[in-house]
PDB file of N, CA and C in Angstrom:
ATOM      1  N   UNK A   1      19.866 -66.172  26.367  1.00  0.00           N
ATOM      2  CA  UNK A   1      21.007 -65.658  25.623  1.00  0.00           C
ATOM      3  C   UNK A   1      22.121 -65.224  26.564  1.00  0.00           C
ATOM      4  N   UNK A   2      21.755 -64.564  27.652  1.00  0.00           N
ATOM      5  CA  UNK A   2      22.767 -63.994  28.527  1.00  0.00           C
ATOM      6  C   UNK A   2      22.191 -63.840  29.917  1.00  0.00           C
ATOM      7  N   UNK A   3      23.069 -63.725  30.884  1.00  0.00           N
ATOM      8  CA  UNK A   3      22.636 -63.434  32.245  1.00  0.00           C
ATOM      9  C   UNK A   3      22.636 -61.931  32.515  1.00  0.00           C
ATOM     10  N   UNK A   4      22.896 -61.132  31.498  1.00  0.00           N
ATOM     11  CA  UNK A   4      22.981 -59.686  31.671  1.00  0.00           C
ATOM     12  C   UNK A   4      21.642 -59.124  32.136  1.00  0.00           C
ATOM     13  N   UNK A   5      21.705 -58.245  33.132  1.00  0.00           N
ATOM     14  CA  UNK A   5      20.513 -57.558  33.617  1.00  0.00           C
ATOM     15  C   UNK A   5      20.763 -56.056  33.533  1.00  0.00           C
ATOM     16  N   UNK A   6      19.693 -55.337  33.290  1.00  0.00           N
ATOM     17  CA  UNK A   6      19.773 -53.897  33.086  1.00  0.00           C
ATOM     18  C   UNK A   6      18.674 -53.203  33.881  1.00  0.00           C
ATOM     19  N   UNK A   7      18.940 -51.970  34.238  1.00  0.00           N
ATOM     20  CA  UNK A   7      17.869 -51.087  34.673  1.00  0.00           C
ATOM     21  C   UNK A   7      17.577 -50.157  33.509  1.00  0.00           C
ATOM     22  N   UNK A   8      16.303 -49.810  33.370  1.00  0.00           N
ATOM     23  CA  UNK A   8      15.884 -48.869  32.349  1.00  0.00           C
ATOM     24  C   UNK A   8      14.861 -47.947  32.991  1.00  0.00           C
ATOM     25  N   UNK A   9      15.077 -46.654  32.847  1.00  0.00           N
ATOM     26  CA  UNK A   9      14.142 -45.676  33.382  1.00  0.00           C
ATOM     27  C   UNK A   9      13.624 -44.775  32.283  1.00  0.00           C
ATOM     28  N   UNK A  10      12.349 -44.442  32.390  1.00  0.00           N
ATOM     29  CA  UNK A  10      11.717 -43.473  31.501  1.00  0.00           C
ATOM     30  C   UNK A  10      11.391 -42.263  32.369  1.00  0.00           C
ATOM     31  N   UNK A  11      11.822 -41.102  31.930  1.00  0.00           N
ATOM     32  CA  UNK A  11      11.717 -39.882  32.727  1.00  0.00           C
ATOM     33  C   UNK A  11      11.050 -38.779  31.916  1.00  0.00           C
ATOM     34  N   UNK A  12      10.033 -38.173  32.458  1.00  0.00           N
ATOM     35  CA  UNK A  12       9.393 -36.998  31.846  1.00  0.00           C
ATOM     36  C   UNK A  12       9.728 -35.826  32.759  1.00  0.00           C
ATOM     37  N   UNK A  13      10.622 -34.962  32.293  1.00  0.00           N
ATOM     38  CA  UNK A  13      11.158 -33.866  33.103  1.00  0.00           C
ATOM     39  C   UNK A  13      10.243 -32.648  33.007  1.00  0.00           C
ATOM     40  N   UNK A  14      10.103 -31.956  34.113  1.00  0.00           N
ATOM     41  CA  UNK A  14       9.346 -30.704  34.129  1.00  0.00           C
ATOM     42  C   UNK A  14      10.044 -29.732  33.173  1.00  0.00           C
ATOM     43  N   UNK A  15       9.315 -29.136  32.219  1.00  0.00           N
ATOM     44  CA  UNK A  15       9.944 -28.218  31.262  1.00  0.00           C
ATOM     45  C   UNK A  15      10.789 -27.151  31.968  1.00  0.00           C
ATOM     46  N   UNK A  16      11.976 -26.929  31.418  1.00  0.00           N
ATOM     47  CA  UNK A  16      12.905 -25.959  31.983  1.00  0.00           C
ATOM     48  C   UNK A  16      13.902 -26.566  32.959  1.00  0.00           C
ATOM     49  N   UNK A  17      13.718 -27.836  33.318  1.00  0.00           N
ATOM     50  CA  UNK A  17      14.593 -28.511  34.276  1.00  0.00           C
ATOM     51  C   UNK A  17      15.506 -29.543  33.628  1.00  0.00           C
ATOM     52  N   UNK A  18      15.611 -29.518  32.311  1.00  0.00           N
ATOM     53  CA  UNK A  18      16.389 -30.529  31.610  1.00  0.00           C
ATOM     54  C   UNK A  18      17.865 -30.525  32.026  1.00  0.00           C
ATOM     55  N   UNK A  19      18.487 -29.368  32.104  1.00  0.00           N
ATOM     56  CA  UNK A  19      19.908 -29.306  32.472  1.00  0.00           C
ATOM     57  C   UNK A  19      20.119 -29.769  33.909  1.00  0.00           C
ATOM     58  N   UNK A  20      19.230 -29.382  34.811  1.00  0.00           N
ATOM     59  CA  UNK A  20      19.323 -29.820  36.204  1.00  0.00           C
ATOM     60  C   UNK A  20      19.149 -31.334  36.301  1.00  0.00           C
ATOM     61  N   UNK A  21      18.269 -31.888  35.471  1.00  0.00           N
ATOM     62  CA  UNK A  21      18.064 -33.333  35.464  1.00  0.00           C
ATOM     63  C   UNK A  21      19.343 -34.050  35.019  1.00  0.00           C
ATOM     64  N   UNK A  22      19.956 -33.585  33.955  1.00  0.00           N
ATOM     65  CA  UNK A  22      21.200 -34.209  33.467  1.00  0.00           C
ATOM     66  C   UNK A  22      22.269 -34.146  34.560  1.00  0.00           C
ATOM     67  N   UNK A  23      22.407 -33.010  35.231  1.00  0.00           N
ATOM     68  CA  UNK A  23      23.399 -32.877  36.298  1.00  0.00           C
ATOM     69  C   UNK A  23      23.097 -33.844  37.447  1.00  0.00           C
ATOM     70  N   UNK A  24      21.834 -33.970  37.833  1.00  0.00           N
ATOM     71  CA  UNK A  24      21.459 -34.885  38.914  1.00  0.00           C
ATOM     72  C   UNK A  24      21.698 -36.339  38.504  1.00  0.00           C
ATOM     73  N   UNK A  25      21.459 -36.661  37.231  1.00  0.00           N
ATOM     74  CA  UNK A  25      21.709 -38.018  36.744  1.00  0.00           C
ATOM     75  C   UNK A  25      23.210 -38.331  36.792  1.00  0.00           C
ATOM     76  N   UNK A  26      24.044 -37.370  36.420  1.00  0.00           N
ATOM     77  CA  UNK A  26      25.494 -37.573  36.491  1.00  0.00           C
ATOM     78  C   UNK A  26      25.948 -37.745  37.938  1.00  0.00           C
ATOM     79  N   UNK A  27      25.359 -36.997  38.859  1.00  0.00           N
ATOM     80  CA  UNK A  27      25.670 -37.157  40.287  1.00  0.00           C
ATOM     81  C   UNK A  27      25.263 -38.545  40.773  1.00  0.00           C
ATOM     82  N   UNK A  28      24.130 -39.042  40.289  1.00  0.00           N
ATOM     83  CA  UNK A  28      23.693 -40.386  40.665  1.00  0.00           C
ATOM     84  C   UNK A  28      24.701 -41.425  40.181  1.00  0.00           C
ATOM     85  N   UNK A  29      25.289 -41.209  39.026  1.00  0.00           N
ATOM     86  CA  UNK A  29      26.323 -42.119  38.531  1.00  0.00           C
ATOM     87  C   UNK A  29      27.510 -42.205  39.478  1.00  0.00           C
ATOM     88  N   UNK A  30      27.878 -41.091  40.081  1.00  0.00           N
ATOM     89  CA  UNK A  30      28.972 -41.086  41.064  1.00  0.00           C
ATOM     90  C   UNK A  30      28.567 -41.913  42.286  1.00  0.00           C
ATOM     91  N   UNK A  31      27.340 -41.731  42.728  1.00  0.00           N
ATOM     92  CA  UNK A  31      26.826 -42.502  43.869  1.00  0.00           C
ATOM     93  C   UNK A  31      26.838 -43.993  43.532  1.00  0.00           C
ATOM     94  N   UNK A  32      26.343 -44.354  42.356  1.00  0.00           N
ATOM     95  CA  UNK A  32      26.328 -45.754  41.952  1.00  0.00           C
ATOM     96  C   UNK A  32      27.741 -46.335  41.917  1.00  0.00           C
ATOM     97  N   UNK A  33      28.716 -45.530  41.523  1.00  0.00           N
ATOM     98  CA  UNK A  33      30.096 -45.996  41.466  1.00  0.00           C
ATOM     99  C   UNK A  33      30.670 -46.359  42.815  1.00  0.00           C
ATOM    100  N   UNK A  34      30.075 -45.858  43.883  1.00  0.00           N
ATOM    101  CA  UNK A  34      30.540 -46.168  45.240  1.00  0.00           C
ATOM    102  C   UNK A  34      29.845 -47.396  45.837  1.00  0.00           C
ATOM    103  N   UNK A  35      28.873 -47.954  45.143  1.00  0.00           N
ATOM    104  CA  UNK A  35      28.175 -49.133  45.652  1.00  0.00           C
ATOM    105  C   UNK A  35      29.117 -50.334  45.694  1.00  0.00           C
ATOM    106  N   UNK A  36      28.870 -51.295  46.588  1.00  0.00           N
ATOM    107  CA  UNK A  36      29.721 -52.494  46.648  1.00  0.00           C
ATOM    108  C   UNK A  36      29.767 -53.263  45.330  1.00  0.00           C
ATOM    109  N   UNK A  37      28.662 -53.323  44.600  1.00  0.00           N
ATOM    110  CA  UNK A  37      28.620 -53.949  43.267  1.00  0.00           C
ATOM    111  C   UNK A  37      28.118 -52.898  42.286  1.00  0.00           C
ATOM    112  N   UNK A  38      28.994 -52.007  41.836  1.00  0.00           N
ATOM    113  CA  UNK A  38      28.539 -50.934  40.943  1.00  0.00           C
ATOM    114  C   UNK A  38      28.126 -51.456  39.576  1.00  0.00           C
ATOM    115  N   UNK A  39      27.294 -50.681  38.901  1.00  0.00           N
ATOM    116  CA  UNK A  39      26.893 -51.069  37.552  1.00  0.00           C
ATOM    117  C   UNK A  39      28.003 -50.780  36.556  1.00  0.00           C
ATOM    118  N   UNK A  40      27.770 -51.210  35.321  1.00  0.00           N
ATOM    119  CA  UNK A  40      28.626 -50.790  34.225  1.00  0.00           C
ATOM    120  C   UNK A  40      28.295 -49.341  33.896  1.00  0.00           C
ATOM    121  N   UNK A  41      28.826 -48.867  32.817  1.00  0.00           N
ATOM    122  CA  UNK A  41      28.599 -47.492  32.382  1.00  0.00           C
ATOM    123  C   UNK A  41      27.116 -47.276  32.071  1.00  0.00           C
ATOM    124  N   UNK A  42      26.553 -46.200  32.593  1.00  0.00           N
ATOM    125  CA  UNK A  42      25.156 -45.862  32.334  1.00  0.00           C
ATOM    126  C   UNK A  42      25.027 -44.966  31.113  1.00  0.00           C
ATOM    127  N   UNK A  43      23.836 -44.973  30.528  1.00  0.00           N
ATOM    128  CA  UNK A  43      23.555 -44.167  29.344  1.00  0.00           C
ATOM    129  C   UNK A  43      22.278 -43.379  29.581  1.00  0.00           C
ATOM    130  N   UNK A  44      22.310 -42.100  29.252  1.00  0.00           N
ATOM    131  CA  UNK A  44      21.134 -41.235  29.336  1.00  0.00           C
ATOM    132  C   UNK A  44      20.844 -40.705  27.943  1.00  0.00           C
ATOM    133  N   UNK A  45      19.621 -40.958  27.459  1.00  0.00           N
ATOM    134  CA  UNK A  45      19.189 -40.489  26.146  1.00  0.00           C
ATOM    135  C   UNK A  45      18.111 -39.432  26.314  1.00  0.00           C
ATOM    136  N   UNK A  46      18.154 -38.396  25.468  1.00  0.00           N
ATOM    137  CA  UNK A  46      17.125 -37.354  25.445  1.00  0.00           C
ATOM    138  C   UNK A  46      16.490 -37.358  24.068  1.00  0.00           C
ATOM    139  N   UNK A  47      15.167 -37.307  24.032  1.00  0.00           N
ATOM    140  CA  UNK A  47      14.443 -37.291  22.766  1.00  0.00           C
ATOM    141  C   UNK A  47      14.831 -36.059  21.953  1.00  0.00           C
ATOM    142  N   UNK A  48      14.984 -36.241  20.656  1.00  0.00           N
ATOM    143  CA  UNK A  48      15.282 -35.103  19.778  1.00  0.00           C
ATOM    144  C   UNK A  48      14.031 -34.309  19.430  1.00  0.00           C
ATOM    145  N   UNK A  49      12.868 -34.904  19.610  1.00  0.00           N
ATOM    146  CA  UNK A  49      11.621 -34.193  19.294  1.00  0.00           C
ATOM    147  C   UNK A  49      10.895 -33.673  20.533  1.00  0.00           C
ATOM    148  N   UNK A  50      11.243 -34.196  21.707  1.00  0.00           N
ATOM    149  CA  UNK A  50      10.628 -33.762  22.960  1.00  0.00           C
ATOM    150  C   UNK A  50      11.722 -33.673  24.011  1.00  0.00           C
ATOM    151  N   UNK A  51      12.270 -32.488  24.252  1.00  0.00           N
ATOM    152  CA  UNK A  51      13.417 -32.361  25.152  1.00  0.00           C
ATOM    153  C   UNK A  51      13.120 -32.709  26.609  1.00  0.00           C
ATOM    154  N   UNK A  52      11.857 -32.921  26.958  1.00  0.00           N
ATOM    155  CA  UNK A  52      11.536 -33.305  28.341  1.00  0.00           C
ATOM    156  C   UNK A  52      11.516 -34.818  28.539  1.00  0.00           C
ATOM    157  N   UNK A  53      11.694 -35.595  27.467  1.00  0.00           N
ATOM    158  CA  UNK A  53      11.634 -37.051  27.552  1.00  0.00           C
ATOM    159  C   UNK A  53      13.040 -37.648  27.540  1.00  0.00           C
ATOM    160  N   UNK A  54      13.341 -38.421  28.582  1.00  0.00           N
ATOM    161  CA  UNK A  54      14.646 -39.063  28.729  1.00  0.00           C
ATOM    162  C   UNK A  54      14.464 -40.556  28.981  1.00  0.00           C
ATOM    163  N   UNK A  55      15.437 -41.335  28.529  1.00  0.00           N
ATOM    164  CA  UNK A  55      15.543 -42.751  28.853  1.00  0.00           C
ATOM    165  C   UNK A  55      16.937 -42.973  29.427  1.00  0.00           C
ATOM    166  N   UNK A  56      17.029 -43.746  30.486  1.00  0.00           N
ATOM    167  CA  UNK A  56      18.333 -44.106  31.034  1.00  0.00           C
ATOM    168  C   UNK A  56      18.406 -45.622  31.157  1.00  0.00           C
ATOM    169  N   UNK A  57      19.599 -46.163  30.928  1.00  0.00           N
ATOM    170  CA  UNK A  57      19.773 -47.602  31.087  1.00  0.00           C
ATOM    171  C   UNK A  57      21.226 -47.916  31.383  1.00  0.00           C
ATOM    172  N   UNK A  58      21.416 -49.075  31.994  1.00  0.00           N
ATOM    173  CA  UNK A  58      22.758 -49.527  32.295  1.00  0.00           C
ATOM    174  C   UNK A  58      22.751 -50.970  32.751  1.00  0.00           C
ATOM    175  N   UNK A  59      23.872 -51.649  32.532  1.00  0.00           N
ATOM    176  CA  UNK A  59      24.034 -53.051  32.919  1.00  0.00           C
ATOM    177  C   UNK A  59      24.493 -53.148  34.371  1.00  0.00           C
ATOM    178  N   UNK A  60      24.034 -54.195  35.029  1.00  0.00           N
ATOM    179  CA  UNK A  60      24.390 -54.469  36.428  1.00  0.00           C
ATOM    180  C   UNK A  60      24.936 -55.885  36.517  1.00  0.00           C
ATOM    181  N   UNK A  61      25.749 -56.162  37.560  1.00  0.00           N
ATOM    182  CA  UNK A  61      26.317 -57.508  37.693  1.00  0.00           C
ATOM    183  C   UNK A  61      25.247 -58.605  37.798  1.00  0.00           C
ATOM    184  N   UNK A  62      24.168 -58.311  38.535  1.00  0.00           N
ATOM    185  CA  UNK A  62      23.094 -59.284  38.712  1.00  0.00           C
ATOM    186  C   UNK A  62      21.914 -58.588  39.390  1.00  0.00           C
ATOM    187  N   UNK A  63      20.810 -59.323  39.532  1.00  0.00           N
ATOM    188  CA  UNK A  63      19.617 -58.731  40.159  1.00  0.00           C
ATOM    189  C   UNK A  63      19.865 -58.347  41.609  1.00  0.00           C
ATOM    190  N   UNK A  64      20.733 -59.091  42.302  1.00  0.00           N
ATOM    191  CA  UNK A  64      21.039 -58.754  43.692  1.00  0.00           C
ATOM    192  C   UNK A  64      21.710 -57.384  43.784  1.00  0.00           C
ATOM    193  N   UNK A  65      22.549 -57.043  42.819  1.00  0.00           N
ATOM    194  CA  UNK A  65      23.201 -55.730  42.814  1.00  0.00           C
ATOM    195  C   UNK A  65      22.173 -54.619  42.608  1.00  0.00           C
ATOM    196  N   UNK A  66      21.182 -54.868  41.753  1.00  0.00           N
ATOM    197  CA  UNK A  66      20.123 -53.873  41.549  1.00  0.00           C
ATOM    198  C   UNK A  66      19.331 -53.693  42.835  1.00  0.00           C
ATOM    199  N   UNK A  67      18.992 -54.800  43.495  1.00  0.00           N
ATOM    200  CA  UNK A  67      18.244 -54.698  44.743  1.00  0.00           C
ATOM    201  C   UNK A  67      19.055 -53.978  45.816  1.00  0.00           C
ATOM    202  N   UNK A  68      20.351 -54.256  45.887  1.00  0.00           N
ATOM    203  CA  UNK A  68      21.211 -53.569  46.855  1.00  0.00           C
ATOM    204  C   UNK A  68      21.218 -52.068  46.588  1.00  0.00           C
ATOM    205  N   UNK A  69      21.245 -51.679  45.316  1.00  0.00           N
ATOM    206  CA  UNK A  69      21.178 -50.252  44.968  1.00  0.00           C
ATOM    207  C   UNK A  69      19.859 -49.667  45.437  1.00  0.00           C
ATOM    208  N   UNK A  70      18.776 -50.380  45.215  1.00  0.00           N
ATOM    209  CA  UNK A  70      17.456 -49.875  45.601  1.00  0.00           C
ATOM    210  C   UNK A  70      17.289 -49.818  47.117  1.00  0.00           C
ATOM    211  N   UNK A  71      18.100 -50.586  47.845  1.00  0.00           N
ATOM    212  CA  UNK A  71      18.071 -50.570  49.312  1.00  0.00           C
ATOM    213  C   UNK A  71      19.038 -49.549  49.905  1.00  0.00           C
ATOM    214  N   UNK A  72      19.924 -48.994  49.088  1.00  0.00           N
ATOM    215  CA  UNK A  72      20.958 -48.079  49.564  1.00  0.00           C
ATOM    216  C   UNK A  72      20.376 -46.678  49.787  1.00  0.00           C
ATOM    217  N   UNK A  73      20.479 -46.134  51.006  1.00  0.00           N
ATOM    218  CA  UNK A  73      19.887 -44.822  51.292  1.00  0.00           C
ATOM    219  C   UNK A  73      20.438 -43.694  50.419  1.00  0.00           C
ATOM    220  N   UNK A  74      21.749 -43.675  50.177  1.00  0.00           N
ATOM    221  CA  UNK A  74      22.328 -42.606  49.359  1.00  0.00           C
ATOM    222  C   UNK A  74      21.836 -42.698  47.914  1.00  0.00           C
ATOM    223  N   UNK A  75      21.754 -43.909  47.388  1.00  0.00           N
ATOM    224  CA  UNK A  75      21.244 -44.082  46.027  1.00  0.00           C
ATOM    225  C   UNK A  75      19.787 -43.633  45.952  1.00  0.00           C
ATOM    226  N   UNK A  76      19.010 -43.968  46.955  1.00  0.00           N
ATOM    227  CA  UNK A  76      17.607 -43.566  46.957  1.00  0.00           C
ATOM    228  C   UNK A  76      17.447 -42.043  47.036  1.00  0.00           C
ATOM    229  N   UNK A  77      18.328 -41.382  47.775  1.00  0.00           N
ATOM    230  CA  UNK A  77      18.302 -39.913  47.818  1.00  0.00           C
ATOM    231  C   UNK A  77      18.610 -39.338  46.437  1.00  0.00           C
ATOM    232  N   UNK A  78      19.583 -39.926  45.732  1.00  0.00           N
ATOM    233  CA  UNK A  78      19.925 -39.470  44.385  1.00  0.00           C
ATOM    234  C   UNK A  78      18.769 -39.680  43.413  1.00  0.00           C
ATOM    235  N   UNK A  79      18.107 -40.808  43.520  1.00  0.00           N
ATOM    236  CA  UNK A  79      16.953 -41.078  42.660  1.00  0.00           C
ATOM    237  C   UNK A  79      15.814 -40.118  42.999  1.00  0.00           C
ATOM    238  N   UNK A  80      15.635 -39.819  44.274  1.00  0.00           N
ATOM    239  CA  UNK A  80      14.595 -38.866  44.685  1.00  0.00           C
ATOM    240  C   UNK A  80      14.852 -37.485  44.095  1.00  0.00           C
ATOM    241  N   UNK A  81      16.133 -37.083  43.997  1.00  0.00           N
ATOM    242  CA  UNK A  81      16.463 -35.790  43.379  1.00  0.00           C
ATOM    243  C   UNK A  81      16.045 -35.778  41.906  1.00  0.00           C
ATOM    244  N   UNK A  82      16.239 -36.902  41.217  1.00  0.00           N
ATOM    245  CA  UNK A  82      15.795 -36.991  39.825  1.00  0.00           C
ATOM    246  C   UNK A  82      14.272 -36.893  39.743  1.00  0.00           C
ATOM    247  N   UNK A  83      13.596 -37.666  40.564  1.00  0.00           N
ATOM    248  CA  UNK A  83      12.133 -37.690  40.525  1.00  0.00           C
ATOM    249  C   UNK A  83      11.529 -36.330  40.839  1.00  0.00           C
ATOM    250  N   UNK A  84      12.196 -35.556  41.688  1.00  0.00           N
ATOM    251  CA  UNK A  84      11.687 -34.224  42.035  1.00  0.00           C
ATOM    252  C   UNK A  84      11.686 -33.290  40.831  1.00  0.00           C
ATOM    253  N   UNK A  85      12.485 -33.601  39.828  1.00  0.00           N
ATOM    254  CA  UNK A  85      12.566 -32.793  38.610  1.00  0.00           C
ATOM    255  C   UNK A  85      11.628 -33.291  37.516  1.00  0.00           C
ATOM    256  N   UNK A  86      10.817 -34.294  37.828  1.00  0.00           N
ATOM    257  CA  UNK A  86       9.994 -34.963  36.814  1.00  0.00           C
ATOM    258  C   UNK A  86       8.502 -34.896  37.137  1.00  0.00           C
ATOM    259  N   UNK A  87       7.713 -35.000  36.085  1.00  0.00           N
ATOM    260  CA  UNK A  87       6.276 -35.207  36.251  1.00  0.00           C
ATOM    261  C   UNK A  87       5.961 -36.697  36.229  1.00  0.00           C
ATOM    262  N   UNK A  88       6.840 -37.494  35.625  1.00  0.00           N
ATOM    263  CA  UNK A  88       6.685 -38.952  35.566  1.00  0.00           C
ATOM    264  C   UNK A  88       8.056 -39.602  35.621  1.00  0.00           C
ATOM    265  N   UNK A  89       8.129 -40.747  36.285  1.00  0.00           N
ATOM    266  CA  UNK A  89       9.350 -41.554  36.255  1.00  0.00           C
ATOM    267  C   UNK A  89       8.938 -43.016  36.395  1.00  0.00           C
ATOM    268  N   UNK A  90       9.493 -43.842  35.516  1.00  0.00           N
ATOM    269  CA  UNK A  90       9.144 -45.258  35.506  1.00  0.00           C
ATOM    270  C   UNK A  90      10.426 -46.080  35.446  1.00  0.00           C
ATOM    271  N   UNK A  91      10.809 -46.713  36.565  1.00  0.00           N
ATOM    272  CA  UNK A  91      11.987 -47.575  36.561  1.00  0.00           C
ATOM    273  C   UNK A  91      11.596 -49.018  36.244  1.00  0.00           C
ATOM    274  N   UNK A  92      12.577 -49.805  35.829  1.00  0.00           N
ATOM    275  CA  UNK A  92      12.327 -51.221  35.604  1.00  0.00           C
ATOM    276  C   UNK A  92      13.608 -52.010  35.494  1.00  0.00           C
ATOM    277  N   UNK A  93      13.482 -53.320  35.712  1.00  0.00           N
ATOM    278  CA  UNK A  93      14.585 -54.271  35.543  1.00  0.00           C
ATOM    279  C   UNK A  93      14.309 -55.082  34.285  1.00  0.00           C
ATOM    280  N   UNK A  94      15.351 -55.336  33.519  1.00  0.00           N
ATOM    281  CA  UNK A  94      15.199 -56.070  32.268  1.00  0.00           C
ATOM    282  C   UNK A  94      16.364 -57.038  32.099  1.00  0.00           C
ATOM    283  N   UNK A  95      16.133 -58.073  31.312  1.00  0.00           N
ATOM    284  CA  UNK A  95      17.198 -59.014  30.981  1.00  0.00           C
ATOM    285  C   UNK A  95      17.385 -59.039  29.469  1.00  0.00           C
ATOM    286  N   UNK A  96      18.592 -59.286  29.051  1.00  0.00           N
ATOM    287  CA  UNK A  96      18.914 -59.354  27.633  1.00  0.00           C
ATOM    288  C   UNK A  96      18.409 -60.676  27.065  1.00  0.00           C
ATOM    289  N   UNK A  97      17.620 -60.612  25.990  1.00  0.00           N
ATOM    290  CA  UNK A  97      17.100 -61.824  25.368  1.00  0.00           C
ATOM    291  C   UNK A  97      17.520 -61.985  23.913  1.00  0.00           C
ATOM    292  N   UNK A  98      17.951 -60.898  23.271  1.00  0.00           N
ATOM    293  CA  UNK A  98      18.389 -61.007  21.871  1.00  0.00           C
ATOM    294  C   UNK A  98      19.156 -59.755  21.484  1.00  0.00           C
ATOM    295  N   UNK A  99      20.032 -59.913  20.509  1.00  0.00           N
ATOM    296  CA  UNK A  99      20.723 -58.783  19.892  1.00  0.00           C
ATOM    297  C   UNK A  99      20.786 -59.057  18.397  1.00  0.00           C
ATOM    298  N   UNK A 100      20.718 -58.006  17.602  1.00  0.00           N
ATOM    299  CA  UNK A 100      20.776 -58.170  16.146  1.00  0.00           C
ATOM    300  C   UNK A 100      21.818 -57.242  15.570  1.00  0.00           C
TER     301      UNK A 100
END
């Protein structure tokens, strides 16, 4: 359907650290904006029934841009700050296959 690629993360935040997590995620967006191939606008969702559960996703130019982000030391430091606030974090790469 499309060549669009996305990153999607599932985050389980340590209770009481939700606001710090949101702030660190916004800081990571600034870091991503400085990358040579920055992503599109990112989205962070918080569960309405479990405030410690977050999902983040965003579109990237291509898989090479995602790999470059994962190789970037500053981006990795920003991601490490997020992970330090979590009991679980699961990143992944995805491609768009359908829309309804």
